[in-house]
N, C-alpha and C. Protein backbone atom coordinates (compact mmCIF):
# COMPACT_ATOMS: atom_id res chain seq x y z
N MET A 1 161.97 45.91 -27.19
CA MET A 1 161.51 44.54 -27.05
C MET A 1 160.06 44.40 -26.34
N ASN A 2 159.63 43.71 -26.32
CA ASN A 2 158.67 43.24 -25.24
C ASN A 2 159.27 41.38 -24.67
N PHE A 3 159.56 41.66 -23.77
CA PHE A 3 159.93 39.84 -22.85
C PHE A 3 158.80 39.86 -22.69
N ASN A 4 159.16 38.58 -22.47
CA ASN A 4 158.18 37.38 -21.87
C ASN A 4 158.07 37.70 -20.26
N ASN A 5 156.69 37.65 -20.27
CA ASN A 5 156.24 37.39 -18.29
C ASN A 5 156.39 36.19 -17.80
N HIS A 6 157.37 36.28 -16.71
CA HIS A 6 157.57 34.59 -15.68
C HIS A 6 156.95 35.00 -14.45
N LEU A 7 156.08 35.57 -14.31
CA LEU A 7 155.64 35.96 -13.10
C LEU A 7 155.46 35.00 -11.87
N ASN A 8 155.34 33.94 -12.57
CA ASN A 8 155.24 32.97 -11.52
C ASN A 8 156.81 32.46 -11.04
N LEU A 9 157.48 32.94 -11.58
CA LEU A 9 159.13 32.42 -11.21
C LEU A 9 159.73 33.50 -10.65
N GLU A 10 159.63 34.95 -10.37
CA GLU A 10 160.02 35.73 -9.99
C GLU A 10 160.28 35.54 -8.55
N GLY A 11 161.56 36.13 -8.20
CA GLY A 11 162.33 35.66 -7.15
C GLY A 11 163.15 34.05 -6.51
N GLN A 12 162.23 32.94 -7.78
CA GLN A 12 163.15 31.40 -7.56
C GLN A 12 164.00 31.75 -8.01
N HIS A 13 165.42 30.06 -8.29
CA HIS A 13 166.37 30.36 -8.71
C HIS A 13 166.36 28.73 -9.52
N ALA A 14 166.51 28.56 -10.39
CA ALA A 14 166.49 26.97 -11.17
C ALA A 14 167.64 26.18 -10.86
N PHE A 15 167.47 25.09 -10.61
CA PHE A 15 168.80 24.15 -10.17
C PHE A 15 170.00 24.81 -11.41
N LEU A 16 169.94 25.15 -12.54
CA LEU A 16 170.57 25.13 -13.69
C LEU A 16 170.86 26.79 -14.01
N GLY A 17 170.83 27.44 -12.56
CA GLY A 17 170.58 28.67 -12.71
C GLY A 17 172.04 29.32 -13.42
N ALA A 18 171.76 30.77 -13.46
CA ALA A 18 173.20 31.56 -13.67
C ALA A 18 173.69 32.20 -12.04
N SER A 19 172.63 32.06 -11.49
CA SER A 19 173.15 32.25 -9.62
C SER A 19 174.32 31.26 -9.15
N LYS A 20 174.35 29.87 -9.81
CA LYS A 20 174.81 29.26 -8.66
C LYS A 20 175.58 28.37 -10.23
N TYR A 21 176.66 28.97 -10.89
CA TYR A 21 177.08 28.47 -12.22
C TYR A 21 177.64 27.62 -11.95
N HIS A 22 178.51 27.30 -10.87
CA HIS A 22 179.45 25.99 -11.42
C HIS A 22 179.06 24.84 -12.13
N TRP A 23 177.88 24.61 -11.89
CA TRP A 23 177.45 23.28 -12.81
C TRP A 23 177.83 23.40 -14.36
N ILE A 24 178.28 25.01 -14.85
CA ILE A 24 178.31 24.50 -16.31
C ILE A 24 180.24 23.80 -16.07
N ASN A 25 180.62 23.58 -15.09
CA ASN A 25 182.10 22.41 -14.98
C ASN A 25 181.67 21.06 -14.93
N TYR A 26 180.23 20.59 -14.72
CA TYR A 26 179.98 19.49 -14.00
C TYR A 26 180.31 18.24 -15.52
N ASP A 27 180.20 17.21 -15.09
CA ASP A 27 179.49 16.42 -15.73
C ASP A 27 178.28 15.65 -15.66
N GLU A 28 178.02 14.28 -16.63
CA GLU A 28 176.76 14.04 -16.09
C GLU A 28 176.51 13.44 -14.85
N SER A 29 177.20 12.94 -14.37
CA SER A 29 177.27 12.04 -13.25
C SER A 29 177.47 13.01 -11.78
N LYS A 30 177.89 14.35 -11.85
CA LYS A 30 178.16 15.23 -11.27
C LYS A 30 176.73 15.67 -10.92
N VAL A 31 176.51 16.05 -12.30
CA VAL A 31 175.17 16.89 -12.19
C VAL A 31 174.18 16.05 -11.76
N ALA A 32 173.99 14.81 -11.60
CA ALA A 32 173.07 13.61 -11.39
C ALA A 32 173.10 14.39 -9.73
N GLU A 33 174.65 13.46 -9.02
CA GLU A 33 174.66 13.50 -7.73
C GLU A 33 174.48 14.82 -7.26
N SER A 34 174.80 16.08 -7.60
CA SER A 34 174.21 17.24 -7.08
C SER A 34 172.85 17.46 -7.10
N TYR A 35 172.16 17.05 -7.75
CA TYR A 35 170.55 17.46 -8.25
C TYR A 35 169.89 16.12 -6.78
N SER A 36 170.51 15.13 -6.68
CA SER A 36 170.18 13.93 -6.15
C SER A 36 170.02 15.04 -4.58
N LYS A 37 171.22 15.46 -4.42
CA LYS A 37 171.51 16.06 -2.99
C LYS A 37 170.88 17.51 -2.90
N PHE A 38 170.40 18.13 -3.90
CA PHE A 38 169.66 19.22 -3.70
C PHE A 38 167.47 18.60 -3.38
N LEU A 39 167.13 17.41 -4.21
CA LEU A 39 166.36 16.95 -3.73
C LEU A 39 166.21 16.14 -2.55
N ALA A 40 167.36 15.85 -1.89
CA ALA A 40 167.46 15.74 -0.30
C ALA A 40 166.96 16.61 0.19
N THR A 41 167.93 17.81 0.34
CA THR A 41 167.35 19.04 0.92
C THR A 41 166.22 19.51 0.76
N GLN A 42 165.57 19.51 -0.04
CA GLN A 42 164.02 19.90 -0.18
C GLN A 42 163.12 18.81 0.68
N LYS A 43 163.65 17.64 0.26
CA LYS A 43 162.78 16.77 1.58
C LYS A 43 162.95 16.71 2.53
N GLY A 44 164.02 17.12 2.95
CA GLY A 44 164.34 17.52 4.56
C GLY A 44 163.33 18.68 4.92
N THR A 45 163.18 19.56 4.30
CA THR A 45 162.52 20.72 4.57
C THR A 45 161.14 20.17 4.61
N VAL A 46 160.70 19.68 3.90
CA VAL A 46 159.15 19.08 3.92
C VAL A 46 159.09 18.00 5.05
N LEU A 47 160.14 17.60 5.48
CA LEU A 47 160.14 16.59 6.88
C LEU A 47 159.93 17.43 8.36
N HIS A 48 160.84 18.77 8.12
CA HIS A 48 160.68 19.25 9.31
C HIS A 48 159.34 20.08 9.53
N GLU A 49 158.65 20.34 8.30
CA GLU A 49 157.47 21.43 8.24
C GLU A 49 156.69 19.80 8.73
N PHE A 50 156.69 18.83 8.22
CA PHE A 50 155.39 17.66 8.57
C PHE A 50 156.01 17.81 10.32
N ALA A 51 157.13 17.69 10.40
CA ALA A 51 157.36 17.03 11.91
C ALA A 51 157.08 18.32 13.17
N ALA A 52 156.97 19.39 12.10
CA ALA A 52 156.56 20.42 13.24
C ALA A 52 155.09 20.76 13.93
N GLN A 53 154.41 20.34 12.78
CA GLN A 53 153.13 20.03 12.27
C GLN A 53 152.38 19.32 13.44
N CYS A 54 153.01 18.30 13.35
CA CYS A 54 152.93 17.02 14.10
C CYS A 54 153.12 17.40 15.82
N ILE A 55 153.90 18.02 16.10
CA ILE A 55 154.35 18.38 17.16
C ILE A 55 153.16 19.72 17.84
N ARG A 56 153.01 20.11 17.10
CA ARG A 56 151.92 21.10 17.01
C ARG A 56 150.44 20.95 17.19
N LEU A 57 150.31 19.71 16.75
CA LEU A 57 149.08 19.18 16.72
C LEU A 57 148.68 18.17 18.23
N GLY A 58 149.84 17.53 18.25
CA GLY A 58 150.17 16.90 19.22
C GLY A 58 149.90 15.01 18.51
N GLN A 59 150.02 15.33 17.22
CA GLN A 59 149.81 14.02 16.98
C GLN A 59 151.23 12.92 16.75
N LYS A 60 151.07 12.14 17.61
CA LYS A 60 152.01 11.21 17.66
C LYS A 60 152.64 10.05 16.56
N LEU A 61 153.08 9.72 16.11
CA LEU A 61 153.47 8.90 15.23
C LEU A 61 153.62 7.42 15.37
N PRO A 62 153.19 6.52 14.67
CA PRO A 62 153.54 5.19 14.97
C PRO A 62 154.81 4.94 15.54
N LYS A 63 155.10 3.78 17.01
CA LYS A 63 156.26 3.85 17.94
C LYS A 63 157.15 3.20 16.75
N SER A 64 158.31 3.57 16.56
CA SER A 64 159.14 2.72 15.36
C SER A 64 160.80 3.18 15.91
N GLN A 65 161.78 2.61 15.71
CA GLN A 65 162.87 2.94 15.25
C GLN A 65 163.21 4.09 14.14
N LYS A 66 162.39 4.69 13.74
CA LYS A 66 162.69 5.50 12.99
C LYS A 66 163.38 6.84 13.08
N THR A 67 164.05 7.33 12.49
CA THR A 67 164.38 8.88 13.25
C THR A 67 163.46 9.76 13.42
N LEU A 68 162.31 10.05 12.30
CA LEU A 68 161.38 10.91 12.51
C LEU A 68 160.24 10.49 13.40
N ASN A 69 160.07 9.23 13.57
CA ASN A 69 159.00 8.96 14.76
C ASN A 69 159.39 8.99 16.00
N MET A 70 160.79 9.05 16.19
CA MET A 70 161.31 8.65 17.37
C MET A 70 161.62 10.80 17.86
N TYR A 71 161.54 11.36 16.89
CA TYR A 71 161.73 12.95 17.05
C TYR A 71 160.20 12.99 17.58
N VAL A 72 159.49 13.46 16.54
CA VAL A 72 158.25 13.54 16.47
C VAL A 72 157.44 13.46 18.10
N ASN A 73 157.36 11.64 18.43
CA ASN A 73 156.99 11.52 19.64
C ASN A 73 157.65 11.86 20.90
N ASP A 74 159.18 12.05 21.07
CA ASP A 74 159.97 12.70 21.89
C ASP A 74 159.46 13.80 22.05
N ALA A 75 159.38 14.93 21.00
CA ALA A 75 159.09 16.28 21.27
C ALA A 75 157.59 16.09 21.82
N ILE A 76 156.35 15.61 21.30
CA ILE A 76 155.37 15.43 21.94
C ILE A 76 155.45 15.52 23.69
N GLY A 77 156.28 14.57 23.91
CA GLY A 77 155.99 13.58 24.94
C GLY A 77 156.45 14.73 26.07
N PHE A 78 157.83 15.36 26.05
CA PHE A 78 158.14 16.76 26.54
C PHE A 78 157.33 17.85 26.04
N LYS A 79 156.58 17.85 25.70
CA LYS A 79 155.98 19.05 25.44
C LYS A 79 156.95 20.19 24.99
N MET A 80 157.22 19.59 24.00
CA MET A 80 158.52 20.94 23.27
C MET A 80 157.79 21.67 22.44
N VAL A 81 158.46 22.39 21.77
CA VAL A 81 157.80 24.36 21.07
C VAL A 81 158.99 23.58 19.63
N PRO A 82 157.96 23.47 18.55
CA PRO A 82 158.93 23.55 17.25
C PRO A 82 159.54 24.28 16.76
N GLU A 83 160.36 24.84 15.97
CA GLU A 83 160.87 25.58 15.22
C GLU A 83 160.82 26.90 16.20
N GLN A 84 161.16 27.26 16.80
CA GLN A 84 161.96 28.31 18.06
C GLN A 84 162.57 28.86 17.32
N VAL A 85 162.91 30.43 16.90
CA VAL A 85 163.49 31.27 17.06
C VAL A 85 164.29 31.83 18.07
N LEU A 86 165.43 31.74 18.30
CA LEU A 86 166.32 31.96 19.43
C LEU A 86 167.29 33.21 19.11
N PHE A 87 167.17 34.33 19.69
CA PHE A 87 167.53 35.61 19.09
C PHE A 87 168.37 36.15 20.15
N TYR A 88 170.40 36.61 19.13
CA TYR A 88 170.62 37.08 20.46
C TYR A 88 170.89 38.65 20.16
N SER A 89 170.85 38.69 18.44
CA SER A 89 171.04 39.99 17.12
C SER A 89 170.67 39.75 16.06
N GLU A 90 170.76 40.62 15.18
CA GLU A 90 170.52 40.44 13.81
C GLU A 90 171.82 39.67 13.43
N ASN A 91 172.98 39.23 14.33
CA ASN A 91 173.76 38.95 13.44
C ASN A 91 173.94 37.27 13.92
N CYS A 92 173.39 37.62 15.19
CA CYS A 92 173.44 35.75 15.60
C CYS A 92 172.11 35.54 16.09
N PHE A 93 171.36 34.54 15.22
CA PHE A 93 170.24 34.13 15.90
C PHE A 93 169.88 32.62 14.91
N GLY A 94 169.20 32.00 15.20
CA GLY A 94 168.59 30.70 14.76
C GLY A 94 167.41 30.28 15.47
N THR A 95 167.36 28.46 14.58
CA THR A 95 165.90 27.85 15.04
C THR A 95 166.27 27.20 15.63
N ALA A 96 165.50 26.71 16.30
CA ALA A 96 166.02 25.57 17.27
C ALA A 96 164.66 24.34 16.34
N ASP A 97 165.16 23.01 16.01
CA ASP A 97 164.07 22.27 15.36
C ASP A 97 162.81 22.08 16.55
N SER A 98 163.12 21.72 18.45
CA SER A 98 162.30 21.59 18.89
C SER A 98 163.04 22.07 20.29
N ILE A 99 161.81 22.79 21.50
CA ILE A 99 162.86 23.27 22.95
C ILE A 99 161.84 23.24 23.34
N ALA A 100 162.27 23.18 24.54
CA ALA A 100 161.89 23.33 26.09
C ALA A 100 162.14 23.42 27.32
N PHE A 101 161.81 24.32 28.16
CA PHE A 101 162.38 25.08 29.71
C PHE A 101 161.16 24.87 30.21
N ARG A 102 161.78 23.85 31.60
CA ARG A 102 160.68 23.38 31.88
C ARG A 102 161.50 22.91 33.42
N ASN A 103 160.94 23.38 34.97
CA ASN A 103 161.67 23.11 36.07
C ASN A 103 163.27 23.24 36.12
N GLY A 104 164.25 24.22 35.51
CA GLY A 104 165.10 24.11 35.48
C GLY A 104 166.04 23.13 34.28
N LEU A 105 165.22 22.61 33.25
CA LEU A 105 166.06 21.70 32.42
C LEU A 105 165.76 22.17 30.97
N LEU A 106 166.81 22.38 30.13
CA LEU A 106 166.50 22.74 28.93
C LEU A 106 166.92 21.91 28.19
N ARG A 107 166.06 21.66 27.52
CA ARG A 107 165.85 20.71 26.15
C ARG A 107 165.97 21.27 24.86
N ILE A 108 166.70 20.24 24.37
CA ILE A 108 166.66 21.24 22.73
C ILE A 108 167.30 19.62 21.75
N HIS A 109 166.10 19.59 20.88
CA HIS A 109 166.18 18.50 19.93
C HIS A 109 166.48 18.78 18.58
N ASP A 110 167.62 17.97 17.48
CA ASP A 110 167.33 18.55 16.38
C ASP A 110 167.22 17.30 15.71
N LEU A 111 166.01 17.54 14.34
CA LEU A 111 166.15 16.59 13.63
C LEU A 111 166.87 16.51 12.12
N LYS A 112 167.58 15.68 12.37
CA LYS A 112 169.04 15.39 11.13
C LYS A 112 168.13 14.20 9.82
N THR A 113 167.82 14.73 8.41
CA THR A 113 167.31 14.13 7.74
C THR A 113 168.57 13.74 6.94
N GLY A 114 169.30 14.13 6.88
CA GLY A 114 170.92 13.97 5.47
C GLY A 114 171.48 12.73 6.05
N VAL A 115 172.80 12.65 5.64
CA VAL A 115 173.41 11.38 5.75
C VAL A 115 174.56 11.99 6.10
N ILE A 116 175.07 13.09 5.92
CA ILE A 116 176.04 14.18 6.29
C ILE A 116 175.47 14.20 8.13
N PRO A 117 177.29 13.27 8.77
CA PRO A 117 176.71 13.48 10.25
C PRO A 117 176.84 14.94 11.20
N ALA A 118 176.21 14.64 11.96
CA ALA A 118 175.48 15.83 12.63
C ALA A 118 176.59 16.25 13.26
N HIS A 119 176.38 17.54 14.10
CA HIS A 119 177.34 18.15 15.21
C HIS A 119 176.69 18.38 16.12
N MET A 120 177.43 18.11 17.46
CA MET A 120 176.52 18.50 18.66
C MET A 120 176.70 20.36 18.77
N GLU A 121 177.61 20.83 18.10
CA GLU A 121 178.11 22.39 18.45
C GLU A 121 177.05 22.93 18.24
N GLN A 122 176.33 22.63 17.12
CA GLN A 122 174.84 23.45 16.60
C GLN A 122 174.19 23.75 17.86
N LEU A 123 173.88 22.61 18.52
CA LEU A 123 172.69 22.17 19.09
C LEU A 123 173.31 23.41 20.60
N MET A 124 174.91 23.44 21.23
CA MET A 124 175.55 23.95 21.94
C MET A 124 174.97 25.39 21.79
N ILE A 125 174.98 25.84 20.28
CA ILE A 125 174.92 27.20 20.24
C ILE A 125 173.61 27.76 20.05
N TYR A 126 172.83 26.99 20.14
CA TYR A 126 170.79 27.10 20.30
C TYR A 126 171.42 27.35 21.78
N ALA A 127 172.07 26.55 22.38
CA ALA A 127 171.85 26.73 24.51
C ALA A 127 172.14 27.75 24.74
N ALA A 128 173.38 28.46 23.88
CA ALA A 128 173.99 29.67 24.36
C ALA A 128 173.09 30.49 23.84
N LEU A 129 172.60 30.63 22.60
CA LEU A 129 171.48 32.07 22.49
C LEU A 129 170.17 32.05 23.41
N PHE A 130 169.59 30.37 23.98
CA PHE A 130 168.34 30.91 24.96
C PHE A 130 169.13 31.16 26.35
N CYS A 131 170.19 31.23 26.77
CA CYS A 131 170.88 31.38 28.03
C CYS A 131 170.99 33.40 27.95
N LEU A 132 171.31 33.75 26.71
CA LEU A 132 171.59 35.42 26.39
C LEU A 132 170.35 35.59 26.30
N GLU A 133 169.30 34.94 25.14
CA GLU A 133 167.93 35.80 25.21
C GLU A 133 167.22 36.09 26.05
N TYR A 134 167.43 34.93 27.07
CA TYR A 134 166.21 34.78 28.12
C TYR A 134 167.53 35.44 29.57
N LYS A 135 168.48 35.56 29.81
CA LYS A 135 168.79 35.55 30.51
C LYS A 135 169.77 34.60 31.80
N VAL A 136 169.62 33.37 31.23
CA VAL A 136 169.82 31.98 32.20
C VAL A 136 170.80 32.14 32.38
N LYS A 137 171.53 31.57 33.81
CA LYS A 137 173.06 31.23 33.55
C LYS A 137 173.27 29.87 33.26
N PRO A 138 173.85 29.36 32.52
CA PRO A 138 174.49 27.94 32.40
C PRO A 138 174.62 27.09 33.03
N GLY A 139 175.31 27.33 34.26
CA GLY A 139 175.88 26.49 35.61
C GLY A 139 174.90 26.67 36.53
N GLU A 140 173.35 27.15 36.07
CA GLU A 140 171.83 27.15 37.28
C GLU A 140 171.08 26.22 36.53
N ILE A 141 171.21 25.91 35.34
CA ILE A 141 169.95 25.19 35.12
C ILE A 141 171.17 23.67 34.44
N GLU A 142 169.69 22.74 34.29
CA GLU A 142 171.08 21.46 33.12
C GLU A 142 170.17 21.48 32.00
N ILE A 143 171.17 21.10 31.24
CA ILE A 143 170.94 21.16 29.23
C ILE A 143 170.67 19.68 28.80
N GLU A 144 170.00 19.08 28.27
CA GLU A 144 169.83 17.92 27.51
C GLU A 144 169.81 18.44 26.30
N LEU A 145 170.70 17.85 25.24
CA LEU A 145 170.90 18.38 23.94
C LEU A 145 170.68 16.61 23.14
N ARG A 146 169.56 16.93 22.10
CA ARG A 146 169.75 15.35 21.53
C ARG A 146 169.71 15.57 19.79
N LEU A 147 170.46 14.75 19.03
CA LEU A 147 170.63 14.46 17.79
C LEU A 147 169.61 13.64 16.98
N TYR A 148 168.73 13.42 16.09
CA TYR A 148 167.83 12.32 15.77
C TYR A 148 168.61 12.54 14.71
N GLN A 149 169.42 11.01 14.24
CA GLN A 149 169.98 10.93 12.71
C GLN A 149 170.48 9.92 12.19
N GLY A 150 169.90 9.19 11.45
CA GLY A 150 170.15 8.03 11.25
C GLY A 150 169.29 6.89 11.79
N ASN A 151 168.07 6.88 12.35
CA ASN A 151 167.45 5.85 13.45
C ASN A 151 168.40 6.06 14.48
N GLU A 152 168.84 7.06 15.13
CA GLU A 152 169.74 7.01 16.09
C GLU A 152 169.26 8.48 17.14
N ILE A 153 169.54 7.94 18.32
CA ILE A 153 169.74 9.66 19.27
C ILE A 153 170.81 9.38 19.63
N LEU A 154 171.56 10.82 19.79
CA LEU A 154 172.93 11.02 20.10
C LEU A 154 172.67 12.19 21.38
N TYR A 155 173.04 11.95 22.44
CA TYR A 155 172.74 12.83 23.95
C TYR A 155 173.96 13.50 24.23
N HIS A 156 173.98 14.52 24.58
CA HIS A 156 174.83 15.32 25.36
C HIS A 156 174.15 16.24 25.97
N THR A 157 174.52 16.22 27.22
CA THR A 157 174.47 17.30 28.75
C THR A 157 175.80 17.99 29.00
N PRO A 158 175.83 18.95 28.22
CA PRO A 158 176.98 20.40 28.39
C PRO A 158 177.26 20.88 29.48
N THR A 159 178.05 21.26 29.71
CA THR A 159 178.56 21.86 31.47
C THR A 159 178.50 23.25 31.01
N ALA A 160 178.55 24.07 31.62
CA ALA A 160 178.20 25.60 31.74
C ALA A 160 179.81 25.58 31.00
N GLU A 161 180.73 25.24 31.49
CA GLU A 161 182.42 25.37 30.87
C GLU A 161 182.09 25.07 29.24
N GLU A 162 181.42 24.19 28.85
CA GLU A 162 181.22 24.52 27.53
C GLU A 162 180.55 25.39 26.72
N ILE A 163 179.41 25.69 27.24
CA ILE A 163 178.33 27.07 26.66
C ILE A 163 178.87 28.19 27.12
N VAL A 164 179.12 29.03 28.40
CA VAL A 164 179.88 29.75 28.09
C VAL A 164 180.95 30.76 27.50
N PRO A 165 181.89 29.53 27.08
CA PRO A 165 182.71 30.24 26.34
C PRO A 165 181.90 30.75 24.91
N ILE A 166 180.78 30.04 24.29
CA ILE A 166 180.04 30.12 23.45
C ILE A 166 179.53 31.50 23.27
N MET A 167 178.73 31.65 24.45
CA MET A 167 178.27 32.65 24.61
C MET A 167 179.07 34.14 24.97
N ASP A 168 180.22 33.69 25.19
CA ASP A 168 181.08 34.84 25.02
C ASP A 168 181.51 35.03 23.66
N LYS A 169 182.14 34.31 22.58
CA LYS A 169 182.42 34.66 21.58
C LYS A 169 181.25 34.91 20.51
N ILE A 170 179.70 34.71 21.01
CA ILE A 170 178.43 35.61 20.29
C ILE A 170 178.77 37.16 20.65
N ILE A 171 178.70 36.88 21.82
CA ILE A 171 178.94 38.80 22.35
C ILE A 171 179.78 39.46 21.88
N THR A 172 180.90 38.79 22.28
CA THR A 172 182.47 39.62 21.25
C THR A 172 182.12 39.58 19.91
N PHE A 173 181.87 38.51 18.71
CA PHE A 173 181.82 38.48 17.53
C PHE A 173 180.64 39.48 16.97
N ASP A 174 179.46 39.47 17.87
CA ASP A 174 178.32 40.42 17.54
C ASP A 174 179.29 41.81 17.66
N LYS A 175 179.57 42.14 18.80
CA LYS A 175 180.41 43.71 18.98
C LYS A 175 181.40 44.39 17.87
N ILE A 176 182.21 43.12 17.06
CA ILE A 176 183.19 43.29 16.18
C ILE A 176 182.21 43.75 14.72
N ILE A 177 181.07 42.78 14.59
CA ILE A 177 180.29 43.02 13.27
C ILE A 177 179.59 44.18 12.77
N ASN A 178 179.29 44.87 14.39
CA ASN A 178 178.41 45.91 14.47
C ASN A 178 179.37 47.34 14.78
N LYS A 179 180.50 46.78 14.49
CA LYS A 179 181.67 47.95 14.50
C LYS A 179 181.84 48.47 13.17
N ILE A 180 182.53 47.10 12.46
CA ILE A 180 182.51 47.13 11.34
C ILE A 180 181.23 47.56 10.52
N LYS A 181 179.87 47.08 10.55
CA LYS A 181 178.47 47.78 9.70
C LYS A 181 178.61 49.30 10.10
N GLU A 182 179.29 49.87 11.52
CA GLU A 182 178.71 51.59 11.54
C GLU A 182 179.98 52.25 10.70
N GLN A 183 181.19 51.07 10.59
CA GLN A 183 182.11 51.79 10.06
C GLN A 183 181.63 52.08 8.22
N GLU A 184 181.49 50.73 7.89
CA GLU A 184 180.60 50.77 6.43
C GLU A 184 179.39 51.85 6.15
N GLY A 185 178.63 51.86 6.95
CA GLY A 185 177.30 52.39 6.93
C GLY A 185 177.36 53.94 7.15
């Protein structure tokens, strides 16, 4: 049999595909809700790319109380780097939406485009990763974390007592995972 070639679709997954088979149990309203969430996720990805490009170019957006505008303008104002990977190991790394470290102050900002409430723990993990990668002691610097969501900005200035336990867990859990990899490999 000669199968049809679909070269433009290789490596992609359809929304109603076999790898995400749960949709076969959905009714019409559930598939509509699920697809709307899928589209919102795609839009969020595009907005993040747009924001990162604006920040790289230094292109401020009109001053307003809109989430995206506040996020982009603050990141440019604070001379932040967008989409920066923070790496501890192959088992633990992440990409901060925007970050800066200057004059003993670590800033990490996160843009949230969805409606599910964001959690500051994500930004505290980025701070822990930064401290581990760059060998900075959290008690010797100031840290300001910001979440931009729902046309609001949430601020948190974590202490070393909040960041050090996360760093310790990263180190410990990474060792556990590596030990399992050795046994399996």
